[in-house]
Protein backbone atom coordinates (compact mmCIF):
# COMPACT_ATOMS: atom_id res chain seq x y z
CA MET A 1 -17.51 -24.09 3.83
CA GLU A 2 -15.56 -21.13 4.01
CA THR A 3 -12.67 -19.99 1.42
CA LYS A 4 -9.81 -17.73 2.34
CA ILE A 5 -8.13 -16.00 0.94
CA THR A 6 -3.36 -16.91 1.50
CA LEU A 7 -1.13 -14.17 1.33
CA GLY A 8 0.80 -17.14 -0.90
CA HIS A 9 -1.92 -17.14 -3.44
CA ALA A 10 -2.50 -13.26 -3.10
CA ILE A 11 0.33 -12.32 -4.28
CA ARG A 12 0.99 -16.02 -7.06
CA SER A 13 -1.44 -13.55 -7.69
CA GLY A 14 -0.94 -10.81 -8.62
CA ARG A 15 2.43 -12.11 -9.66
CA ARG A 16 0.56 -13.59 -12.88
CA GLU A 17 -2.03 -10.64 -13.58
CA LEU A 18 1.47 -8.66 -14.10
CA ASP A 19 2.53 -11.57 -16.18
CA PHE A 20 5.87 -12.37 -14.48
CA SER A 21 7.47 -15.79 -13.85
CA ILE A 22 8.46 -16.55 -10.68
CA LYS A 23 12.30 -15.96 -11.24
CA GLU A 24 11.30 -12.35 -12.81
CA PHE A 25 9.52 -11.44 -10.40
CA ALA A 26 11.99 -12.80 -7.44
CA LYS A 27 14.51 -10.47 -9.04
CA GLU A 28 12.94 -7.57 -9.25
CA LEU A 29 12.31 -8.39 -6.03
CA GLU A 30 16.08 -9.22 -4.86
CA ILE A 31 14.56 -12.43 -3.70
CA ASP A 32 15.62 -15.77 -4.18
CA TYR A 33 13.32 -17.33 -7.06
CA ARG A 34 13.46 -20.45 -4.46
CA TRP A 35 12.21 -18.39 -1.20
CA LEU A 36 9.49 -16.50 -3.01
CA SER A 37 7.46 -20.13 -4.73
CA GLN A 38 7.87 -21.42 -0.91
CA LEU A 39 6.31 -18.24 0.25
CA GLU A 40 3.29 -18.55 -2.83
CA ASN A 41 2.24 -22.33 -2.25
CA ASN A 42 2.32 -20.52 2.04
CA ARG A 43 4.23 -23.46 2.91
CA LEU A 44 6.87 -21.21 5.17
CA ASP A 45 6.37 -19.46 8.79
CA PRO A 46 4.12 -16.61 8.05
CA GLN A 47 4.82 -14.51 11.40
CA SER A 48 8.75 -15.34 9.79
CA ASP A 49 10.42 -11.87 11.05
CA GLU A 50 11.19 -12.80 6.95
CA VAL A 51 7.72 -12.98 6.16
CA LEU A 52 7.12 -9.50 7.78
CA MET A 53 9.39 -8.26 5.79
CA SER A 54 8.83 -8.23 3.36
CA LEU A 55 5.13 -6.73 2.89
CA PRO A 56 6.49 -3.52 2.76
CA LYS A 57 8.85 -4.13 0.11
CA LEU A 58 5.48 -6.72 -1.75
CA ALA A 59 3.25 -4.24 -1.52
CA GLU A 60 4.84 -1.27 -2.78
CA PHE A 61 5.30 -3.94 -6.20
CA PHE A 62 1.39 -3.91 -5.74
CA GLN A 63 0.66 -0.38 -4.92
CA MET A 64 -1.30 -1.72 -2.21
CA ASP A 65 -1.14 -0.93 1.36
CA VAL A 66 0.54 -2.79 4.12
CA GLU A 67 -1.89 -3.56 5.93
CA TYR A 68 -3.93 -5.80 3.58
CA LEU A 69 -0.64 -8.24 3.55
CA GLU A 70 -0.08 -7.59 6.76
CA LEU A 71 -4.56 -9.48 7.05
CA LEU A 72 -3.62 -12.03 4.63
CA ARG A 73 -0.49 -12.84 6.10
CA SER A 74 -2.50 -13.10 9.84
CA GLN A 75 -4.82 -15.55 8.04
CA THR A 76 -2.99 -17.74 5.92
CA GLU A 77 -1.57 -21.27 7.83
CA GLN A 78 1.85 -22.89 7.40
CA GLN A 79 1.07 -26.36 4.74
CA GLU A 80 3.28 -28.53 4.66
CA LEU A 81 4.40 -30.54 1.97
CA ASP A 82 2.42 -33.62 1.41
CA LEU A 83 4.65 -35.80 -0.88
CA SER A 84 2.04 -39.13 -0.46
CA GLN A 85 -0.45 -37.93 -2.88
CA ALA A 86 2.70 -37.24 -5.45
CA MET A 87 2.81 -38.45 -9.09
CA PHE A 88 6.14 -40.40 -8.77
CA PRO A 89 6.47 -41.09 -4.97
CA VAL A 90 9.58 -40.33 -3.91
CA TYR A 91 11.37 -42.74 -1.23
CA TYR A 92 13.34 -42.39 1.42
CA ARG A 93 16.30 -44.60 2.98
CA GLU A 94 17.86 -44.24 5.83
CA LYS A 95 21.02 -44.20 6.58
CA ILE A 96 22.97 -47.60 7.70
CA ASP A 97 25.78 -47.52 10.26
CA VAL A 98 27.65 -50.92 9.75
């Protein structure tokens, strides 16, 4: 089984190596920390324009070639949030019209 490095995992690893919290890092990049969290967890569509437009800023911050981040983006797949394995299950109630 081949293990691929994803864009999100590379960003998280780089952020942690620089000893930034997610909120500190988001502030440095002038982006929302919740969006950054979704990016790090591969919850965003890697092919979206928003992700594509963030690559130059990330490459500049990490002092790396944007082409490397583009390669990671191309091999990253969006992962859906799976709450079935959550420690505290989340239950949804449908709104019932009476």
